[in-house]
């Protein structure tokens, strides 16, 4: 396990130039077009009052190497947000091509996520799911409202590669795998 130290604060700046005000768009068409961008699949986990919680995210990305920062997004109406905020930490579990079922389990509203899933725990208590490609444990730095989503910024404090397999990929509302060319 690799552990990192960081400066105590990160400066947040807002854009100062005006932006173009676009007319409303067709949200169905927007979702269809955005579905053409293939992305990896991760399950975000945390522990709140000793109970494991988690959900599938397709909007996870690396933000910075110095300091090591990541982000993910999900619907702002998700009941998990207050729990992640209260925990102050989370773990990104990057799924392998063999974990489509796990992604589906963690995508369902309600459901039996941890009743049917084995896991170990990161130092924060956040669940680490077995069989993934890697996990990344973070402290929560900030939440940003963005339309119907919340953007979570996390500072990496430990991480581990679990496998050298291939990633689970989401594309146009379905799952696939990565094939090297």
Protein backbone atom coordinates (compact mmCIF):
# COMPACT_ATOMS: atom_id res chain seq x y z
CA UNK A 1 0.00 0.00 0.00
CA UNK A 2 1.30 3.47 -0.90
CA UNK A 3 0.52 6.36 1.47
CA UNK A 4 0.84 10.06 0.54
CA UNK A 5 1.10 13.38 2.42
CA UNK A 6 -0.33 16.60 1.00
CA UNK A 7 -0.48 20.30 1.71
CA UNK A 8 -3.39 21.12 4.06
CA UNK A 9 -5.46 23.13 1.57
CA UNK A 10 -6.31 23.43 -2.10
CA UNK A 11 -7.22 26.76 -3.68
CA UNK A 12 -10.56 26.74 -5.52
CA UNK A 13 -11.14 29.38 -8.22
CA UNK A 14 -14.20 30.08 -10.34
CA UNK A 15 -14.10 31.17 -13.98
CA UNK A 16 -14.10 34.94 -14.30
CA UNK A 17 -14.95 35.18 -18.00
CA UNK A 18 -18.60 35.17 -19.06
CA UNK A 19 -19.84 32.07 -20.83
CA UNK A 20 -22.25 31.63 -23.69
CA UNK A 21 -25.85 31.10 -22.57
CA UNK A 22 -27.09 28.20 -24.68
CA UNK A 23 -30.75 27.45 -25.35
CA UNK A 24 -32.26 24.36 -23.65
CA UNK A 25 -31.32 21.04 -25.26
CA UNK A 26 -33.15 17.74 -25.69
CA UNK A 27 -31.93 15.72 -22.66
CA UNK A 28 -32.67 12.36 -24.31
CA UNK A 29 -30.49 13.30 -27.28
CA UNK A 30 -27.83 14.60 -24.89
CA UNK A 31 -27.74 11.26 -23.02
CA UNK A 32 -27.56 9.34 -26.30
CA UNK A 33 -24.66 11.44 -27.58
CA UNK A 34 -22.76 11.28 -24.26
CA UNK A 35 -23.21 7.50 -24.29
CA UNK A 36 -20.83 7.39 -27.23
CA UNK A 37 -17.97 8.21 -24.89
CA UNK A 38 -16.69 4.88 -23.55
CA UNK A 39 -15.68 4.95 -19.91
CA UNK A 40 -14.42 2.64 -17.22
CA UNK A 41 -16.65 1.48 -14.39
CA UNK A 42 -15.97 1.92 -10.68
CA UNK A 43 -17.82 1.28 -7.46
CA UNK A 44 -17.49 4.04 -4.88
CA UNK A 45 -17.66 2.76 -1.29
CA UNK A 46 -17.52 4.18 2.20
CA UNK A 47 -18.45 3.18 5.71
CA UNK A 48 -21.01 5.19 7.63
CA UNK A 49 -21.50 4.35 11.31
CA UNK A 50 -19.90 0.97 10.70
CA UNK A 51 -22.20 0.09 7.79
CA UNK A 52 -20.73 -0.41 4.30
CA UNK A 53 -22.36 1.56 1.48
CA UNK A 54 -21.56 1.96 -2.19
CA UNK A 55 -22.76 2.68 -5.72
CA UNK A 56 -21.62 2.27 -9.32
CA UNK A 57 -20.06 5.31 -10.98
CA UNK A 58 -19.13 5.84 -14.62
CA UNK A 59 -17.84 9.36 -14.12
CA UNK A 60 -14.59 8.77 -12.25
CA UNK A 61 -11.35 10.43 -13.36
CA UNK A 62 -7.87 11.46 -12.31
CA UNK A 63 -7.58 15.21 -11.76
CA UNK A 64 -3.99 15.83 -10.61
CA UNK A 65 -0.82 13.94 -9.76
CA UNK A 66 0.68 16.64 -7.49
CA UNK A 67 -1.21 16.49 -5.23
CA UNK A 68 -2.95 13.24 -6.20
CA UNK A 69 -6.62 14.17 -6.70
CA UNK A 70 -9.54 12.28 -8.23
CA UNK A 71 -13.18 13.09 -8.85
CA UNK A 72 -16.46 11.30 -9.46
CA UNK A 73 -20.06 12.38 -10.06
CA UNK A 74 -23.53 11.03 -9.47
CA UNK A 75 -27.10 12.26 -9.16
CA UNK A 76 -27.52 14.94 -6.52
CA UNK A 77 -30.70 13.21 -5.31
CA UNK A 78 -28.82 10.04 -4.33
CA UNK A 79 -29.29 9.21 -0.65
CA UNK A 80 -25.63 8.21 -0.38
CA UNK A 81 -24.30 11.81 -0.57
CA UNK A 82 -24.89 12.82 3.05
CA UNK A 83 -23.33 9.52 4.13
CA UNK A 84 -20.17 10.05 2.04
CA UNK A 85 -19.91 13.61 3.32
CA UNK A 86 -20.30 12.47 6.92
CA UNK A 87 -17.71 9.70 6.48
CA UNK A 88 -15.14 12.11 5.03
CA UNK A 89 -13.48 9.25 3.16
CA UNK A 90 -14.29 6.92 0.30
CA UNK A 91 -12.72 4.19 -1.80
CA UNK A 92 -12.85 3.94 -5.59
CA UNK A 93 -12.92 0.28 -6.68
CA UNK A 94 -11.96 0.05 -10.38
CA UNK A 95 -13.82 -2.93 -11.82
CA UNK A 96 -12.43 -5.63 -14.10
CA UNK A 97 -14.17 -7.07 -17.15
CA UNK A 98 -15.26 -10.01 -14.99
CA UNK A 99 -17.28 -7.78 -12.63
CA UNK A 100 -20.30 -6.81 -14.73
CA UNK A 101 -22.60 -8.44 -12.18
CA UNK A 102 -20.99 -6.44 -9.35
CA UNK A 103 -21.55 -3.21 -11.29
CA UNK A 104 -25.20 -4.13 -11.79
CA UNK A 105 -25.68 -4.99 -8.10
CA UNK A 106 -24.29 -1.60 -7.04
CA UNK A 107 -26.32 0.23 -9.73
CA UNK A 108 -29.72 -0.81 -8.37
CA UNK A 109 -31.71 1.51 -6.12
CA UNK A 110 -31.91 -0.02 -2.65
CA UNK A 111 -30.96 -3.63 -3.22
CA UNK A 112 -28.75 -6.09 -1.43
CA UNK A 113 -25.33 -4.67 -2.20
CA UNK A 114 -23.21 -5.78 0.75
CA UNK A 115 -25.46 -8.62 1.82
CA UNK A 116 -24.23 -10.52 -1.25
CA UNK A 117 -20.71 -9.06 -1.65
CA UNK A 118 -17.57 -10.02 0.25
CA UNK A 119 -15.09 -7.24 0.95
CA UNK A 120 -12.08 -6.22 3.01
CA UNK A 121 -11.60 -2.80 4.58
CA UNK A 122 -9.27 0.08 3.82
CA UNK A 123 -7.74 1.93 6.79
CA UNK A 124 -10.76 4.28 6.81
CA UNK A 125 -13.17 1.34 7.00
CA UNK A 126 -14.33 1.86 3.41
CA UNK A 127 -15.00 -1.45 1.65
CA UNK A 128 -12.43 -2.78 -0.82
CA UNK A 129 -14.14 -5.10 -3.29
CA UNK A 130 -12.29 -8.27 -4.37
CA UNK A 131 -11.42 -9.03 -7.99
CA UNK A 132 -11.04 -5.44 -9.17
CA UNK A 133 -8.14 -3.93 -11.06
CA UNK A 134 -7.25 -1.46 -8.32
CA UNK A 135 -8.59 0.53 -5.38
CA UNK A 136 -7.94 4.13 -4.39
CA UNK A 137 -8.73 5.40 -0.89
CA UNK A 138 -9.39 9.14 -0.55
CA UNK A 139 -10.25 11.86 1.90
CA UNK A 140 -13.12 14.01 0.68
CA UNK A 141 -11.86 17.50 -0.22
CA UNK A 142 -15.01 19.14 -1.63
CA UNK A 143 -18.49 18.66 -3.11
CA UNK A 144 -19.59 20.83 -6.04
CA UNK A 145 -23.16 21.09 -7.31
CA UNK A 146 -23.25 20.80 -11.10
CA UNK A 147 -26.71 20.69 -12.67
CA UNK A 148 -28.42 17.48 -11.55
CA UNK A 149 -25.11 16.02 -10.34
CA UNK A 150 -22.67 16.50 -7.47
CA UNK A 151 -18.96 16.44 -8.21
CA UNK A 152 -16.86 14.98 -5.41
CA UNK A 153 -13.17 15.84 -5.23
CA UNK A 154 -10.98 13.46 -3.26
CA UNK A 155 -7.35 13.53 -2.15
CA UNK A 156 -5.68 10.14 -2.54
CA UNK A 157 -4.00 8.80 0.60
CA UNK A 158 -3.57 5.12 -0.27
CA UNK A 159 -3.99 2.86 -3.29
CA UNK A 160 -3.21 -0.63 -4.50
CA UNK A 161 -3.24 -2.47 -7.81
CA UNK A 162 -5.10 -5.78 -7.43
CA UNK A 163 -4.94 -7.28 -10.92
CA UNK A 164 -3.44 -6.79 -14.37
CA UNK A 165 -6.66 -7.86 -16.09
CA UNK A 166 -8.77 -5.80 -18.45
CA UNK A 167 -11.28 -3.11 -17.38
CA UNK A 168 -15.05 -3.25 -17.46
CA UNK A 169 -16.19 -0.60 -19.96
CA UNK A 170 -19.52 1.23 -20.25
CA UNK A 171 -20.63 2.33 -23.73
CA UNK A 172 -24.05 3.43 -25.03
CA UNK A 173 -25.93 2.03 -22.05
CA UNK A 174 -24.29 -1.39 -22.06
CA UNK A 175 -21.10 -3.09 -20.88
CA UNK A 176 -18.12 -4.20 -22.87
CA UNK A 177 -14.43 -4.91 -22.53
CA UNK A 178 -11.22 -3.32 -23.70
CA UNK A 179 -9.36 -4.87 -26.62
CA UNK A 180 -5.78 -3.77 -27.35
CA UNK A 181 -5.00 -2.90 -30.95
